[in-house]
Amino acid sequence: MTDAMVTGRMPERKKQQGLRVLKRDGMNASQAVNLLFDRLIEEGSVDFLLQDGDASADERWASAARFVDSLSRKRSTRFDDMTKAEIKFDRLAAKGLV
């Protein structure tokens, strides 16, 4: 094991590259670490940090597709393209009030 792994330190170049990515996406290192710990607690394991490196690109795409397919679908209604005023008018008209 290298000294960087034992002490938890990383090369400065790697740190700066990571900080640039976080900044670009509107986060800082503290926020990222907080999210990491939330995920660690939720998963109860560090496997999620390691598994993508072992999975092939096809396996990662299949996993992503399963996740997307598991998301609930938005139900559309006739009100979706109406303004609030149009919805109110439609409801009042349905009750015979206008």
C-alpha atoms as a PDB file:
ATOM      1  CA  MET A   1       0.000   0.000   0.000  1.00  0.00           C
ATOM      2  CA  THR A   2       1.289   3.472  -0.807  1.00  0.00           C
ATOM      3  CA  ASP A   3       1.660   6.222   1.750  1.00  0.00           C
ATOM      4  CA  ALA A   4      -1.198   8.117   0.073  1.00  0.00           C
ATOM      5  CA  MET A   5      -3.548   5.217   0.791  1.00  0.00           C
ATOM      6  CA  VAL A   6      -2.413   4.788   4.378  1.00  0.00           C
ATOM      7  CA  THR A   7      -2.747   8.470   5.320  1.00  0.00           C
ATOM      8  CA  GLY A   8      -5.782   9.207   3.180  1.00  0.00           C
ATOM      9  CA  ARG A   9      -3.883  11.836   1.216  1.00  0.00           C
ATOM     10  CA  MET A  10      -4.122  12.036  -2.540  1.00  0.00           C
ATOM     11  CA  PRO A  11      -1.937  13.611  -5.194  1.00  0.00           C
ATOM     12  CA  GLU A  12      -2.609  17.357  -5.534  1.00  0.00           C
ATOM     13  CA  ARG A  13      -3.329  17.019  -9.262  1.00  0.00           C
ATOM     14  CA  LYS A  14      -6.043  14.447  -8.611  1.00  0.00           C
ATOM     15  CA  LYS A  15      -7.558  16.632  -5.888  1.00  0.00           C
ATOM     16  CA  GLN A  16      -7.654  19.702  -8.138  1.00  0.00           C
ATOM     17  CA  GLN A  17      -9.247  17.740 -11.005  1.00  0.00           C
ATOM     18  CA  GLY A  18     -11.930  16.451  -8.665  1.00  0.00           C
ATOM     19  CA  LEU A  19     -12.570  19.897  -7.186  1.00  0.00           C
ATOM     20  CA  ARG A  20     -13.011  21.321 -10.705  1.00  0.00           C
ATOM     21  CA  VAL A  21     -15.653  18.695 -11.482  1.00  0.00           C
ATOM     22  CA  LEU A  22     -17.467  19.419  -8.216  1.00  0.00           C
ATOM     23  CA  LYS A  23     -17.343  23.185  -8.801  1.00  0.00           C
ATOM     24  CA  ARG A  24     -18.665  22.767 -12.340  1.00  0.00           C
ATOM     25  CA  ASP A  25     -21.650  20.881 -10.934  1.00  0.00           C
ATOM     26  CA  GLY A  26     -22.238  23.395  -8.130  1.00  0.00           C
ATOM     27  CA  MET A  27     -20.851  21.368  -5.239  1.00  0.00           C
ATOM     28  CA  ASN A  28     -17.872  21.445  -2.935  1.00  0.00           C
ATOM     29  CA  ALA A  29     -15.852  18.625  -1.388  1.00  0.00           C
ATOM     30  CA  SER A  30     -17.719  18.789   1.914  1.00  0.00           C
ATOM     31  CA  GLN A  31     -21.077  18.362   0.178  1.00  0.00           C
ATOM     32  CA  ALA A  32     -19.729  15.460  -1.881  1.00  0.00           C
ATOM     33  CA  VAL A  33     -18.368  13.698   1.207  1.00  0.00           C
ATOM     34  CA  ASN A  34     -21.692  14.235   2.986  1.00  0.00           C
ATOM     35  CA  LEU A  35     -23.525  12.599   0.057  1.00  0.00           C
ATOM     36  CA  LEU A  36     -20.984   9.779   0.039  1.00  0.00           C
ATOM     37  CA  PHE A  37     -21.648   9.052   3.707  1.00  0.00           C
ATOM     38  CA  ASP A  38     -25.427   9.191   3.130  1.00  0.00           C
ATOM     39  CA  ARG A  39     -25.006   6.563   0.421  1.00  0.00           C
ATOM     40  CA  LEU A  40     -22.672   4.437   2.571  1.00  0.00           C
ATOM     41  CA  ILE A  41     -25.252   4.422   5.362  1.00  0.00           C
ATOM     42  CA  GLU A  42     -28.092   3.659   2.946  1.00  0.00           C
ATOM     43  CA  GLU A  43     -26.227   0.816   1.234  1.00  0.00           C
ATOM     44  CA  GLY A  44     -24.551  -0.511   4.369  1.00  0.00           C
ATOM     45  CA  SER A  45     -21.552  -1.383   2.239  1.00  0.00           C
ATOM     46  CA  VAL A  46     -18.836   0.125   0.061  1.00  0.00           C
ATOM     47  CA  ASP A  47     -19.617  -2.286  -2.781  1.00  0.00           C
ATOM     48  CA  PHE A  48     -21.282   0.460  -4.837  1.00  0.00           C
ATOM     49  CA  LEU A  49     -17.936   2.274  -4.976  1.00  0.00           C
ATOM     50  CA  LEU A  50     -16.180  -0.747  -6.405  1.00  0.00           C
ATOM     51  CA  GLN A  51     -18.730  -2.540  -8.564  1.00  0.00           C
ATOM     52  CA  ASP A  52     -18.754  -0.223 -11.601  1.00  0.00           C
ATOM     53  CA  GLY A  53     -15.052  -0.746 -12.149  1.00  0.00           C
ATOM     54  CA  ASP A  54     -15.615  -4.496 -12.407  1.00  0.00           C
ATOM     55  CA  ALA A  55     -18.717  -4.335 -14.606  1.00  0.00           C
ATOM     56  CA  SER A  56     -18.465  -4.196 -18.369  1.00  0.00           C
ATOM     57  CA  ALA A  57     -19.931  -1.263 -20.279  1.00  0.00           C
ATOM     58  CA  ASP A  58     -22.825  -3.495 -21.394  1.00  0.00           C
ATOM     59  CA  GLU A  59     -23.570  -4.476 -17.786  1.00  0.00           C
ATOM     60  CA  ARG A  60     -23.517  -0.824 -16.667  1.00  0.00           C
ATOM     61  CA  TRP A  61     -25.895   0.154 -19.510  1.00  0.00           C
ATOM     62  CA  ALA A  62     -28.225  -2.725 -18.627  1.00  0.00           C
ATOM     63  CA  SER A  63     -28.193  -1.667 -14.982  1.00  0.00           C
ATOM     64  CA  ALA A  64     -28.928   1.933 -15.922  1.00  0.00           C
ATOM     65  CA  ALA A  65     -31.767   0.813 -18.212  1.00  0.00           C
ATOM     66  CA  ARG A  66     -33.295  -1.276 -15.407  1.00  0.00           C
ATOM     67  CA  PHE A  67     -33.157   1.738 -13.126  1.00  0.00           C
ATOM     68  CA  VAL A  68     -34.820   4.019 -15.675  1.00  0.00           C
ATOM     69  CA  ASP A  69     -37.474   1.403 -16.402  1.00  0.00           C
ATOM     70  CA  SER A  70     -38.206   1.157 -12.680  1.00  0.00           C
ATOM     71  CA  LEU A  71     -39.060   4.849 -12.412  1.00  0.00           C
ATOM     72  CA  SER A  72     -42.727   5.683 -12.242  1.00  0.00           C
ATOM     73  CA  ARG A  73     -44.307   7.116 -15.341  1.00  0.00           C
ATOM     74  CA  LYS A  74     -45.987  10.492 -15.323  1.00  0.00           C
ATOM     75  CA  ARG A  75     -49.721  10.250 -15.758  1.00  0.00           C
ATOM     76  CA  SER A  76     -51.080  12.774 -18.184  1.00  0.00           C
ATOM     77  CA  THR A  77     -54.426  14.479 -17.824  1.00  0.00           C
ATOM     78  CA  ARG A  78     -56.403  16.855 -19.970  1.00  0.00           C
ATOM     79  CA  PHE A  79     -55.347  19.631 -17.601  1.00  0.00           C
ATOM     80  CA  ASP A  80     -51.608  19.309 -18.352  1.00  0.00           C
ATOM     81  CA  ASP A  81     -51.579  21.947 -21.092  1.00  0.00           C
ATOM     82  CA  MET A  82     -54.045  24.317 -19.411  1.00  0.00           C
ATOM     83  CA  THR A  83     -53.329  27.391 -17.333  1.00  0.00           C
ATOM     84  CA  LYS A  84     -54.733  27.554 -13.811  1.00  0.00           C
ATOM     85  CA  ALA A  85     -57.410  29.956 -15.016  1.00  0.00           C
ATOM     86  CA  GLU A  86     -58.448  27.550 -17.797  1.00  0.00           C
ATOM     87  CA  ILE A  87     -58.629  24.677 -15.321  1.00  0.00           C
ATOM     88  CA  LYS A  88     -60.810  26.711 -12.959  1.00  0.00           C
ATOM     89  CA  PHE A  89     -63.091  27.728 -15.824  1.00  0.00           C
ATOM     90  CA  ASP A  90     -63.356  24.137 -17.048  1.00  0.00           C
ATOM     91  CA  ARG A  91     -64.272  22.882 -13.575  1.00  0.00           C
ATOM     92  CA  LEU A  92     -66.864  25.610 -13.077  1.00  0.00           C
ATOM     93  CA  ALA A  93     -68.336  24.853 -16.515  1.00  0.00           C
ATOM     94  CA  ALA A  94     -68.541  21.156 -15.678  1.00  0.00           C
ATOM     95  CA  LYS A  95     -70.621  22.078 -12.628  1.00  0.00           C
ATOM     96  CA  GLY A  96     -72.843  24.326 -14.763  1.00  0.00           C
ATOM     97  CA  LEU A  97     -71.757  27.467 -12.930  1.00  0.00           C
ATOM     98  CA  VAL A  98     -70.648  29.425 -16.005  1.00  0.00           C
END
